[in-house]
Amino acid sequence: MNPKYIELATRHGALKARIDEQRRTLARHAVPLEAAMARGDAVLKGVDWLKHHPAAVGVAVFVTVVARPRRAWRWARRGLFLWRGWLAIRNSLIGVR
């Protein structure tokens, strides 16, 4: 057999072994991220459900406002406060001014 082919086959085997080791290392490092990714998936599923069921959201808001309007306004103000705080934190982290 041609020595060049033998050398290429040897290099190919060494590269495959190196790739396998890198894949194992990457899999070990990715384990802590699995829980966070699962939570993110759950949030995305919830958002998707809300997109497909806007009437349910409207009914929930309506019932809240009718049942306790003062409480609804109080929660709306808190939500606005939290949203503005989140925007301020996010903008300071990414450097938007």
C-alpha atoms as a PDB file:
ATOM      1  CA  MET A   1       0.000   0.000   0.000  1.00  0.00           C
ATOM      2  CA  ASN A   2       1.092   3.539  -0.673  1.00  0.00           C
ATOM      3  CA  PRO A   3       2.898   5.119   2.328  1.00  0.00           C
ATOM      4  CA  LYS A   4       1.014   8.362   1.745  1.00  0.00           C
ATOM      5  CA  TYR A   5      -2.324   6.546   2.219  1.00  0.00           C
ATOM      6  CA  ILE A   6      -1.010   4.897   5.377  1.00  0.00           C
ATOM      7  CA  GLU A   7       0.039   8.284   6.750  1.00  0.00           C
ATOM      8  CA  LEU A   8      -3.373   9.781   5.860  1.00  0.00           C
ATOM      9  CA  ALA A   9      -5.197   6.868   7.496  1.00  0.00           C
ATOM     10  CA  THR A  10      -3.082   7.283  10.637  1.00  0.00           C
ATOM     11  CA  ARG A  11      -3.788  11.019  10.772  1.00  0.00           C
ATOM     12  CA  HIS A  12      -7.466  10.349  10.157  1.00  0.00           C
ATOM     13  CA  GLY A  13      -7.600   7.927  13.086  1.00  0.00           C
ATOM     14  CA  ALA A  14      -5.776  10.363  15.364  1.00  0.00           C
ATOM     15  CA  LEU A  15      -8.121  13.190  14.392  1.00  0.00           C
ATOM     16  CA  LYS A  16     -11.192  11.017  15.008  1.00  0.00           C
ATOM     17  CA  ALA A  17      -9.865  10.114  18.456  1.00  0.00           C
ATOM     18  CA  ARG A  18      -9.235  13.789  19.210  1.00  0.00           C
ATOM     19  CA  ILE A  19     -12.750  14.730  18.043  1.00  0.00           C
ATOM     20  CA  ASP A  20     -14.273  12.014  20.235  1.00  0.00           C
ATOM     21  CA  GLU A  21     -12.387  13.332  23.272  1.00  0.00           C
ATOM     22  CA  GLN A  22     -13.501  16.900  22.527  1.00  0.00           C
ATOM     23  CA  ARG A  23     -17.119  15.735  22.283  1.00  0.00           C
ATOM     24  CA  ARG A  24     -16.873  13.984  25.642  1.00  0.00           C
ATOM     25  CA  THR A  25     -15.335  17.099  27.219  1.00  0.00           C
ATOM     26  CA  LEU A  26     -18.051  19.314  25.746  1.00  0.00           C
ATOM     27  CA  ALA A  27     -20.761  16.971  27.034  1.00  0.00           C
ATOM     28  CA  ARG A  28     -19.247  17.097  30.550  1.00  0.00           C
ATOM     29  CA  HIS A  29     -19.148  20.902  30.489  1.00  0.00           C
ATOM     30  CA  ALA A  30     -22.725  21.181  29.190  1.00  0.00           C
ATOM     31  CA  VAL A  31     -24.313  19.199  32.048  1.00  0.00           C
ATOM     32  CA  PRO A  32     -24.786  22.235  34.362  1.00  0.00           C
ATOM     33  CA  LEU A  33     -26.548  24.120  31.575  1.00  0.00           C
ATOM     34  CA  GLU A  34     -29.223  21.459  31.093  1.00  0.00           C
ATOM     35  CA  ALA A  35     -31.350  22.654  34.046  1.00  0.00           C
ATOM     36  CA  ALA A  36     -31.243  26.262  32.879  1.00  0.00           C
ATOM     37  CA  MET A  37     -32.122  25.228  29.345  1.00  0.00           C
ATOM     38  CA  ALA A  38     -35.045  23.153  30.633  1.00  0.00           C
ATOM     39  CA  ARG A  39     -36.384  26.186  32.508  1.00  0.00           C
ATOM     40  CA  GLY A  40     -35.998  28.291  29.393  1.00  0.00           C
ATOM     41  CA  ASP A  41     -37.908  25.706  27.382  1.00  0.00           C
ATOM     42  CA  ALA A  42     -40.715  25.752  29.950  1.00  0.00           C
ATOM     43  CA  VAL A  43     -40.935  29.536  29.724  1.00  0.00           C
ATOM     44  CA  LEU A  44     -41.047  29.390  25.928  1.00  0.00           C
ATOM     45  CA  LYS A  45     -43.816  26.793  26.077  1.00  0.00           C
ATOM     46  CA  GLY A  46     -45.780  29.109  28.365  1.00  0.00           C
ATOM     47  CA  VAL A  47     -45.306  32.042  26.004  1.00  0.00           C
ATOM     48  CA  ASP A  48     -46.379  29.865  23.102  1.00  0.00           C
ATOM     49  CA  TRP A  49     -49.517  28.845  24.992  1.00  0.00           C
ATOM     50  CA  LEU A  50     -50.312  32.498  25.699  1.00  0.00           C
ATOM     51  CA  LYS A  51     -49.910  33.331  22.009  1.00  0.00           C
ATOM     52  CA  HIS A  52     -52.385  30.612  21.063  1.00  0.00           C
ATOM     53  CA  HIS A  53     -54.910  31.431  23.812  1.00  0.00           C
ATOM     54  CA  PRO A  54     -55.293  35.236  23.918  1.00  0.00           C
ATOM     55  CA  ALA A  55     -58.925  34.943  25.036  1.00  0.00           C
ATOM     56  CA  ALA A  56     -57.840  33.217  28.249  1.00  0.00           C
ATOM     57  CA  VAL A  57     -55.478  36.083  29.016  1.00  0.00           C
ATOM     58  CA  GLY A  58     -58.198  38.634  28.298  1.00  0.00           C
ATOM     59  CA  VAL A  59     -60.682  36.830  30.537  1.00  0.00           C
ATOM     60  CA  ALA A  60     -58.138  36.626  33.355  1.00  0.00           C
ATOM     61  CA  VAL A  61     -57.416  40.360  33.131  1.00  0.00           C
ATOM     62  CA  PHE A  62     -61.129  41.163  32.950  1.00  0.00           C
ATOM     63  CA  VAL A  63     -61.955  39.038  35.991  1.00  0.00           C
ATOM     64  CA  THR A  64     -59.099  40.569  37.953  1.00  0.00           C
ATOM     65  CA  VAL A  65     -60.161  44.117  37.165  1.00  0.00           C
ATOM     66  CA  VAL A  66     -63.841  43.447  37.874  1.00  0.00           C
ATOM     67  CA  ALA A  67     -63.194  41.516  41.076  1.00  0.00           C
ATOM     68  CA  ARG A  68     -60.646  43.844  42.622  1.00  0.00           C
ATOM     69  CA  PRO A  69     -59.967  46.988  40.560  1.00  0.00           C
ATOM     70  CA  ARG A  70     -57.853  48.662  43.242  1.00  0.00           C
ATOM     71  CA  ARG A  71     -55.692  45.568  43.603  1.00  0.00           C
ATOM     72  CA  ALA A  72     -55.370  45.292  39.813  1.00  0.00           C
ATOM     73  CA  TRP A  73     -54.123  48.872  39.541  1.00  0.00           C
ATOM     74  CA  ARG A  74     -51.675  48.292  42.383  1.00  0.00           C
ATOM     75  CA  TRP A  75     -50.252  45.208  40.657  1.00  0.00           C
ATOM     76  CA  ALA A  76     -50.092  47.085  37.345  1.00  0.00           C
ATOM     77  CA  ARG A  77     -48.044  49.846  38.967  1.00  0.00           C
ATOM     78  CA  ARG A  78     -45.715  47.255  40.527  1.00  0.00           C
ATOM     79  CA  GLY A  79     -45.329  45.560  37.181  1.00  0.00           C
ATOM     80  CA  LEU A  80     -44.460  48.845  35.500  1.00  0.00           C
ATOM     81  CA  PHE A  81     -41.949  49.602  38.249  1.00  0.00           C
ATOM     82  CA  LEU A  82     -40.362  46.162  37.844  1.00  0.00           C
ATOM     83  CA  TRP A  83     -40.294  46.516  34.054  1.00  0.00           C
ATOM     84  CA  ARG A  84     -38.540  49.886  34.247  1.00  0.00           C
ATOM     85  CA  GLY A  85     -36.078  48.464  36.761  1.00  0.00           C
ATOM     86  CA  TRP A  86     -35.369  45.505  34.485  1.00  0.00           C
ATOM     87  CA  LEU A  87     -34.774  47.837  31.528  1.00  0.00           C
ATOM     88  CA  ALA A  88     -32.393  49.965  33.586  1.00  0.00           C
ATOM     89  CA  ILE A  89     -30.419  46.907  34.719  1.00  0.00           C
ATOM     90  CA  ARG A  90     -30.337  45.413  31.232  1.00  0.00           C
ATOM     91  CA  ASN A  91     -29.260  48.675  29.626  1.00  0.00           C
ATOM     92  CA  SER A  92     -26.506  49.202  32.190  1.00  0.00           C
ATOM     93  CA  LEU A  93     -25.219  45.653  31.596  1.00  0.00           C
ATOM     94  CA  ILE A  94     -25.078  45.963  27.810  1.00  0.00           C
ATOM     95  CA  GLY A  95     -23.895  49.562  27.855  1.00  0.00           C
ATOM     96  CA  VAL A  96     -26.908  51.309  26.313  1.00  0.00           C
ATOM     97  CA  ARG A  97     -27.221  54.906  27.384  1.00  0.00           C
END
